[in-house]
C-alpha atoms as a PDB file:
ATOM      1  CA  UNK A   1      20.555   0.420  12.545  1.00  0.00           C
ATOM      2  CA  UNK A   2      20.939  -0.648   8.927  1.00  0.00           C
ATOM      3  CA  UNK A   3      18.924   0.679   5.987  1.00  0.00           C
ATOM      4  CA  UNK A   4      16.699  -2.390   5.614  1.00  0.00           C
ATOM      5  CA  UNK A   5      15.675  -2.221   9.281  1.00  0.00           C
ATOM      6  CA  UNK A   6      14.990   1.495   8.981  1.00  0.00           C
ATOM      7  CA  UNK A   7      12.810   1.020   5.892  1.00  0.00           C
ATOM      8  CA  UNK A   8      10.961  -1.868   7.543  1.00  0.00           C
ATOM      9  CA  UNK A   9      10.301   0.202  10.665  1.00  0.00           C
ATOM     10  CA  UNK A  10       9.034   3.094   8.553  1.00  0.00           C
ATOM     11  CA  UNK A  11       6.774   0.763   6.555  1.00  0.00           C
ATOM     12  CA  UNK A  12       5.440  -0.792   9.744  1.00  0.00           C
ATOM     13  CA  UNK A  13       4.631   2.633  11.179  1.00  0.00           C
ATOM     14  CA  UNK A  14       2.703   3.554   8.038  1.00  0.00           C
ATOM     15  CA  UNK A  15       0.869   0.234   7.928  1.00  0.00           C
ATOM     16  CA  UNK A  16      -0.012   0.502  11.597  1.00  0.00           C
ATOM     17  CA  UNK A  17      -1.498   3.968  11.190  1.00  0.00           C
ATOM     18  CA  UNK A  18      -3.390   2.804   8.087  1.00  0.00           C
ATOM     19  CA  UNK A  19      -4.815  -0.160   9.993  1.00  0.00           C
ATOM     20  CA  UNK A  20      -6.321   1.840  12.853  1.00  0.00           C
ATOM     21  CA  UNK A  21     -10.115   1.719  12.725  1.00  0.00           C
ATOM     22  CA  UNK A  22     -11.856   4.883  11.637  1.00  0.00           C
ATOM     23  CA  UNK A  23     -15.512   5.498  12.489  1.00  0.00           C
ATOM     24  CA  UNK A  24     -17.520   5.359   9.275  1.00  0.00           C
ATOM     25  CA  UNK A  25     -20.964   6.454   8.230  1.00  0.00           C
ATOM     26  CA  UNK A  26     -23.412   4.041   6.606  1.00  0.00           C
ATOM     27  CA  UNK A  27     -22.708   5.142   3.017  1.00  0.00           C
ATOM     28  CA  UNK A  28     -18.970   5.733   3.259  1.00  0.00           C
ATOM     29  CA  UNK A  29     -17.761   2.188   2.497  1.00  0.00           C
ATOM     30  CA  UNK A  30     -17.595   2.966  -1.206  1.00  0.00           C
ATOM     31  CA  UNK A  31     -15.751   6.170  -0.455  1.00  0.00           C
ATOM     32  CA  UNK A  32     -13.142   4.445   1.737  1.00  0.00           C
ATOM     33  CA  UNK A  33     -12.447   1.839  -0.974  1.00  0.00           C
ATOM     34  CA  UNK A  34     -12.049   4.653  -3.489  1.00  0.00           C
ATOM     35  CA  UNK A  35      -9.732   6.467  -1.056  1.00  0.00           C
ATOM     36  CA  UNK A  36      -7.603   3.343  -0.652  1.00  0.00           C
ATOM     37  CA  UNK A  37      -7.407   2.876  -4.421  1.00  0.00           C
ATOM     38  CA  UNK A  38      -6.399   6.487  -4.978  1.00  0.00           C
ATOM     39  CA  UNK A  39      -3.819   6.248  -2.173  1.00  0.00           C
ATOM     40  CA  UNK A  40      -2.396   3.101  -3.804  1.00  0.00           C
ATOM     41  CA  UNK A  41      -2.213   4.843  -7.167  1.00  0.00           C
ATOM     42  CA  UNK A  42      -0.609   7.911  -5.584  1.00  0.00           C
ATOM     43  CA  UNK A  43       2.063   5.733  -3.940  1.00  0.00           C
ATOM     44  CA  UNK A  44       2.879   4.050  -7.258  1.00  0.00           C
ATOM     45  CA  UNK A  45       3.060   7.380  -9.071  1.00  0.00           C
ATOM     46  CA  UNK A  46       5.283   8.855  -6.352  1.00  0.00           C
ATOM     47  CA  UNK A  47       7.676   5.928  -6.681  1.00  0.00           C
ATOM     48  CA  UNK A  48       7.788   6.309 -10.443  1.00  0.00           C
ATOM     49  CA  UNK A  49       8.392  10.063 -10.246  1.00  0.00           C
ATOM     50  CA  UNK A  50      11.163   9.584  -7.691  1.00  0.00           C
ATOM     51  CA  UNK A  51      12.806   6.939  -9.888  1.00  0.00           C
ATOM     52  CA  UNK A  52      12.706   9.283 -12.881  1.00  0.00           C
ATOM     53  CA  UNK A  53      14.110  12.147 -10.797  1.00  0.00           C
ATOM     54  CA  UNK A  54      16.925   9.943  -9.522  1.00  0.00           C
ATOM     55  CA  UNK A  55      17.834   8.882 -13.062  1.00  0.00           C
ATOM     56  CA  UNK A  56      17.999  12.540 -14.063  1.00  0.00           C
ATOM     57  CA  UNK A  57      20.138  13.343 -11.019  1.00  0.00           C
ATOM     58  CA  UNK A  58      17.672  15.628  -9.250  1.00  0.00           C
ATOM     59  CA  UNK A  59      16.829  13.251  -6.367  1.00  0.00           C
ATOM     60  CA  UNK A  60      19.088  11.447  -3.934  1.00  0.00           C
ATOM     61  CA  UNK A  61      19.373   7.640  -3.873  1.00  0.00           C
ATOM     62  CA  UNK A  62      17.970   7.508  -0.338  1.00  0.00           C
ATOM     63  CA  UNK A  63      14.688   9.014  -1.581  1.00  0.00           C
ATOM     64  CA  UNK A  64      14.599   6.371  -4.327  1.00  0.00           C
ATOM     65  CA  UNK A  65      15.124   3.527  -1.854  1.00  0.00           C
ATOM     66  CA  UNK A  66      12.423   4.916   0.408  1.00  0.00           C
ATOM     67  CA  UNK A  67       9.948   5.376  -2.470  1.00  0.00           C
ATOM     68  CA  UNK A  68      10.627   1.869  -3.771  1.00  0.00           C
ATOM     69  CA  UNK A  69      10.115   0.383  -0.298  1.00  0.00           C
ATOM     70  CA  UNK A  70       6.777   2.190   0.030  1.00  0.00           C
ATOM     71  CA  UNK A  71       5.752   1.008  -3.425  1.00  0.00           C
ATOM     72  CA  UNK A  72       6.733  -2.562  -2.591  1.00  0.00           C
ATOM     73  CA  UNK A  73       4.705  -2.438   0.627  1.00  0.00           C
ATOM     74  CA  UNK A  74       1.680  -1.034  -1.237  1.00  0.00           C
ATOM     75  CA  UNK A  75       1.847  -3.732  -3.917  1.00  0.00           C
ATOM     76  CA  UNK A  76       2.283  -6.514  -1.353  1.00  0.00           C
ATOM     77  CA  UNK A  77      -0.690  -5.164   0.607  1.00  0.00           C
ATOM     78  CA  UNK A  78      -2.850  -5.014  -2.529  1.00  0.00           C
ATOM     79  CA  UNK A  79      -1.899  -8.585  -3.452  1.00  0.00           C
ATOM     80  CA  UNK A  80      -2.700  -9.787   0.066  1.00  0.00           C
ATOM     81  CA  UNK A  81      -6.104  -8.096   0.017  1.00  0.00           C
ATOM     82  CA  UNK A  82      -6.822  -9.565  -3.406  1.00  0.00           C
ATOM     83  CA  UNK A  83      -5.887 -13.046  -2.193  1.00  0.00           C
ATOM     84  CA  UNK A  84      -8.168 -12.709   0.849  1.00  0.00           C
ATOM     85  CA  UNK A  85     -11.073 -11.600  -1.362  1.00  0.00           C
ATOM     86  CA  UNK A  86     -10.529 -14.560  -3.692  1.00  0.00           C
ATOM     87  CA  UNK A  87     -10.367 -16.947  -0.710  1.00  0.00           C
ATOM     88  CA  UNK A  88     -13.609 -15.520   0.689  1.00  0.00           C
ATOM     89  CA  UNK A  89     -15.308 -15.842  -2.701  1.00  0.00           C
ATOM     90  CA  UNK A  90     -14.164 -19.452  -3.036  1.00  0.00           C
ATOM     91  CA  UNK A  91     -15.425 -20.189   0.470  1.00  0.00           C
ATOM     92  CA  UNK A  92     -18.827 -18.738  -0.430  1.00  0.00           C
ATOM     93  CA  UNK A  93     -18.919 -20.933  -3.547  1.00  0.00           C
ATOM     94  CA  UNK A  94     -18.236 -24.021  -1.412  1.00  0.00           C
ATOM     95  CA  UNK A  95     -21.171 -23.292   0.917  1.00  0.00           C
ATOM     96  CA  UNK A  96     -24.173 -25.548   0.556  1.00  0.00           C
ATOM     97  CA  UNK A  97     -27.427 -23.712   0.071  1.00  0.00           C
END
């Protein structure tokens, strides 16, 4: 199995576990959005720290590739969510009242 397939499988496993429904309480929607935002920020910071460590020679290149793949997946997911929100907003604007 090549590296790209391995990274894709790892990303899919993470996305699949993140997509499983979690029972929520009535007031926890705000909290889950905040959790997702902090998780996104944490992923970006982890990728940046790993890149810095690799440049300084204290991290292996495999860790860098893995961190960059996770960061890419997080950014692509955020862009997809943003696009869906914009589409929903535009659809609401097109509705006749």
